[in-house]
Protein backbone atom coordinates (compact mmCIF):
# COMPACT_ATOMS: atom_id res chain seq x y z
CA MET A 1 -0.12 -0.15 0.17
CA ALA A 2 2.67 2.33 0.95
CA SER A 3 4.87 1.88 -2.53
CA THR A 4 1.52 2.55 -4.50
CA ILE A 5 0.91 5.75 -2.39
CA THR A 6 4.30 6.69 -3.31
CA PHE A 7 3.80 5.90 -7.06
CA ARG A 8 0.86 7.91 -6.82
CA ARG A 9 2.27 10.82 -5.67
CA ASP A 10 5.32 11.35 -7.55
CA ALA A 11 3.39 10.25 -10.90
CA PRO A 12 3.97 12.76 -14.13
CA VAL A 13 0.31 13.62 -13.93
CA THR A 14 -0.03 14.09 -10.68
CA VAL A 15 3.24 16.29 -9.86
CA LEU A 16 2.58 18.98 -13.03
CA THR A 17 -1.25 19.10 -12.29
CA ALA A 18 -0.31 20.47 -8.58
CA ALA A 19 2.84 22.39 -10.03
CA ALA A 20 0.27 24.23 -12.34
CA ALA A 21 -2.74 24.60 -9.32
CA PHE A 22 0.16 26.05 -7.32
CA GLY A 23 0.83 28.53 -9.87
CA LEU A 24 -2.69 29.82 -10.07
CA LEU A 25 -2.88 29.88 -6.72
CA LEU A 26 0.27 31.76 -6.53
CA GLY A 27 -0.68 34.17 -9.55
CA TRP A 28 -4.05 34.99 -8.12
CA ALA A 29 -2.86 35.54 -4.88
CA THR A 30 -0.20 37.86 -5.54
CA TYR A 31 -2.35 39.98 -7.94
CA GLY A 32 -4.92 40.28 -4.85
CA LEU A 33 -2.20 41.31 -2.57
CA HIS A 34 -1.55 44.78 -4.52
CA GLY A 35 -2.07 47.69 -2.72
CA THR A 36 -2.50 46.10 0.56
CA THR A 37 0.44 47.62 1.99
CA PRO A 38 3.55 49.65 -0.24
CA LEU A 39 5.92 46.90 1.21
CA LEU A 40 3.60 43.75 -0.32
CA ASP A 41 2.66 45.59 -3.30
CA ARG A 42 6.19 45.30 -4.32
CA ALA A 43 7.08 42.56 -3.04
CA THR A 44 3.88 40.72 -5.54
CA ASN A 45 4.53 42.84 -8.35
CA SER A 46 8.21 41.43 -8.54
CA THR A 47 9.99 38.32 -10.45
CA SER A 48 11.60 37.33 -7.00
CA THR A 49 7.80 36.00 -5.68
CA TRP A 50 7.16 33.98 -8.21
CA ILE A 51 10.96 32.44 -8.34
CA ILE A 52 11.54 31.47 -5.08
CA TRP A 53 8.28 29.21 -4.99
CA THR A 54 9.01 27.74 -8.07
CA ALA A 55 12.62 26.88 -7.30
CA ALA A 56 10.80 25.55 -3.83
CA ALA A 57 8.63 23.26 -6.03
CA GLY A 58 11.34 22.02 -8.09
CA ALA A 59 12.84 21.19 -4.57
CA LEU A 60 10.37 19.18 -3.30
CA ILE A 61 10.04 17.44 -6.57
CA ARG A 62 11.83 13.68 -6.54
CA ARG A 63 12.64 13.53 -10.23
CA ARG A 64 14.81 16.02 -12.00
CA GLN A 65 13.29 15.82 -15.30
CA LEU A 66 9.69 16.46 -13.50
CA ALA A 67 10.88 19.12 -11.38
CA VAL A 68 12.39 21.35 -14.95
CA TRP A 69 9.09 20.75 -16.67
CA GLY A 70 7.35 21.36 -13.50
CA GLY A 71 9.15 24.98 -12.90
CA ALA A 72 8.00 25.57 -16.59
CA LEU A 73 4.49 24.81 -16.41
CA MET A 74 4.26 26.25 -12.41
CA MET A 75 5.50 29.95 -14.16
CA LEU A 76 3.16 29.95 -16.74
CA ALA A 77 0.42 29.07 -14.98
CA THR A 78 1.42 31.76 -12.83
CA CYS A 79 0.99 34.02 -15.62
CA GLY A 80 -1.98 32.63 -16.70
CA GLY A 81 -3.34 32.81 -12.51
CA TYR A 82 -1.81 36.91 -12.37
CA TYR A 83 -3.84 37.73 -15.48
CA THR A 84 -6.59 35.94 -15.41
CA ALA A 85 -6.95 37.45 -11.97
CA SER A 86 -6.36 41.05 -13.48
CA THR A 87 -8.89 40.51 -16.23
CA LEU A 88 -11.73 40.20 -13.64
CA GLY A 89 -10.42 42.90 -11.77
CA GLY A 90 -11.08 44.89 -14.64
CA THR A 91 -7.20 45.74 -14.96
CA PHE A 92 -6.42 44.24 -17.66
CA GLY A 93 -5.43 47.09 -20.09
CA SER A 94 -5.18 47.44 -24.17
CA GLY A 95 -1.73 46.48 -23.64
CA GLY A 96 -2.22 43.78 -21.11
CA LEU A 97 -2.06 40.61 -23.58
CA GLY A 98 1.13 41.82 -24.73
CA THR A 99 3.10 42.23 -21.64
CA ALA A 100 1.00 38.91 -20.41
CA ALA A 101 3.24 37.36 -23.44
CA VAL A 102 6.63 38.89 -22.95
CA TRP A 103 6.07 37.58 -19.08
CA SER A 104 4.93 34.15 -20.43
CA MET A 105 7.76 33.75 -22.21
CA ALA A 106 10.05 34.76 -19.47
CA GLY A 107 8.84 32.34 -17.70
CA LEU A 108 9.59 29.60 -20.32
CA ALA A 109 13.04 30.34 -20.28
CA GLY A 110 12.86 30.61 -16.16
CA GLY A 111 10.82 28.26 -15.15
CA PRO A 112 12.94 25.43 -15.56
CA LEU A 113 16.20 26.49 -14.77
CA LEU A 114 14.85 27.46 -11.14
CA GLY A 115 13.14 23.86 -11.12
CA TRP A 116 16.29 22.70 -11.83
CA ALA A 117 17.76 24.30 -9.44
CA GLY A 118 16.00 24.01 -6.30
CA TRP A 119 15.97 19.61 -7.55
CA THR A 120 19.96 20.30 -7.67
CA VAL A 121 20.34 22.39 -4.40
CA ARG A 122 18.88 19.43 -2.60
CA ARG A 123 19.57 16.54 -4.65
CA GLY A 124 22.01 17.15 -6.82
CA LYS A 125 25.56 16.23 -6.60
CA GLY A 126 29.10 17.74 -6.70
CA ASP A 127 29.76 21.27 -7.36
CA ILE A 128 26.97 21.80 -9.52
CA ARG A 129 24.95 22.24 -6.16
CA ALA A 130 26.64 25.09 -5.49
CA VAL A 131 25.99 26.47 -8.94
CA ALA A 132 22.44 25.85 -8.74
CA GLY A 133 22.36 28.01 -5.03
CA ALA A 134 23.52 30.88 -7.02
CA VAL A 135 20.66 30.51 -9.95
CA ILE A 136 17.47 31.78 -6.60
CA PRO A 137 19.66 34.64 -5.08
CA MET A 138 21.09 36.69 -8.02
CA VAL A 139 17.34 37.32 -9.27
CA VAL A 140 16.65 38.81 -5.90
CA LEU A 141 19.46 40.62 -5.66
CA GLY A 142 19.42 41.27 -9.22
CA GLU A 143 15.77 43.01 -8.57
CA GLY A 144 16.95 44.61 -6.08
CA LEU A 145 19.86 46.56 -8.19
CA TRP A 146 17.00 47.23 -10.57
CA PHE A 147 14.74 49.36 -7.59
CA GLY A 148 17.73 51.16 -6.07
CA LEU A 149 19.80 51.84 -9.61
CA ALA A 150 17.04 52.02 -12.12
CA LEU A 151 14.18 53.46 -10.40
CA HIS A 152 15.55 54.76 -7.42
CA TYR A 153 13.11 53.16 -5.00
CA TRP A 154 16.18 52.63 -2.51
CA ASP A 155 13.99 51.33 0.54
CA ASP A 156 12.55 49.06 -1.65
CA ALA A 157 16.18 48.28 -3.03
CA ALA A 158 17.48 47.65 0.62
CA VAL A 159 15.15 44.93 1.56
CA PHE A 160 15.16 43.00 -1.65
CA LEU A 161 18.97 43.14 -1.28
CA ALA A 162 18.56 41.75 2.44
CA VAL A 163 16.67 39.25 1.31
CA GLY A 164 19.12 37.93 -1.26
CA ALA A 165 21.47 38.24 1.24
CA LEU A 166 19.52 35.56 3.16
CA LEU A 167 18.95 33.70 0.01
CA ILE A 168 22.61 33.31 -0.09
CA ALA A 169 23.91 32.55 3.34
CA LEU A 170 20.52 29.90 3.97
CA PRO A 171 21.85 27.46 0.59
CA THR A 172 25.96 27.88 1.26
CA ALA A 173 25.13 27.15 5.15
CA TYR A 174 23.31 24.20 3.86
CA LEU A 175 25.46 23.16 0.77
CA ALA A 176 28.39 23.29 3.39
CA ARG A 177 26.77 21.14 6.07
CA ALA A 178 26.35 18.22 3.29
CA GLY A 179 29.78 18.17 2.56
CA VAL A 180 29.91 19.51 -0.61
CA ARG A 181 33.33 20.98 -1.47
CA ARG A 182 33.08 24.45 -3.23
CA TYR A 183 30.32 25.30 -1.36
CA TRP A 184 31.39 29.04 -1.45
CA LEU A 185 30.53 28.97 -5.21
CA CYS A 186 27.16 30.01 -4.30
CA ALA A 187 28.26 32.97 -2.23
CA VAL A 188 30.83 34.07 -5.07
CA LEU A 189 28.35 33.63 -8.03
CA ALA A 190 25.10 34.65 -6.57
CA PRO A 191 26.26 38.86 -6.56
CA VAL A 192 28.08 38.11 -10.31
CA GLY A 193 24.43 36.67 -11.75
CA ALA A 194 22.76 39.31 -9.94
CA VAL A 195 24.99 41.86 -11.82
CA VAL A 196 24.11 39.52 -15.88
CA PHE A 197 20.20 39.40 -14.43
CA HIS A 198 19.98 43.47 -13.52
CA LEU A 199 21.50 43.98 -17.18
CA ALA A 200 19.07 41.88 -19.27
CA GLU A 201 16.16 43.23 -17.17
CA LYS A 202 17.14 47.05 -17.93
CA GLY A 203 17.83 45.81 -21.98
CA ILE A 204 16.27 43.03 -22.52
CA LEU A 205 13.39 42.47 -20.32
CA ASN A 206 12.73 46.03 -20.20
CA GLY A 207 12.67 46.61 -23.63
CA LEU A 208 10.32 43.72 -24.78
CA LEU A 209 7.95 45.56 -21.79
CA GLY A 210 8.01 48.72 -23.43
CA SER A 211 7.36 47.71 -27.21
CA VAL A 212 3.84 46.29 -26.34
């Protein structure tokens, strides 16, 4: 009986359905929290919130391939949930379709990477775990740079940078305890990746959003 239950929980349909359902709820919730408080409004209107949960989902999935597919599906579902809520809330304007398409493409690109990162930190082998650990905080740090350097929202930037630093410290300590030889790569690569992410967000994503 126990083996049958485990099998069902690990079945691809079950895993992917759960990822999609959680993504829809996440997207709906982030839309619903807009305007509640300034900090929540900033947190829910950012890439970081979605990527942290996507990486966490990847860490919970046992099979690497399913973690990758689950990350992609979850990010797409999150976009779907968010823009469905926006439509029902009457805030889906004339440019909404183009914006939704851009974020969906970004989700298709980033979702698999984040699902893989979460899975690899928890279940991978060797130094690649430290590299994967850097993927998650680099987005949060990159958004912190964006808020500070591009938008000059320095209070918000300070919060994002502090959360990013915490997200570096936690996996680095976890990997050190797990015996990963070059666990410090997580702490080294995350800030470097943050600068790359910031430049990509400034040059590519912002350009795409500005054209729709």
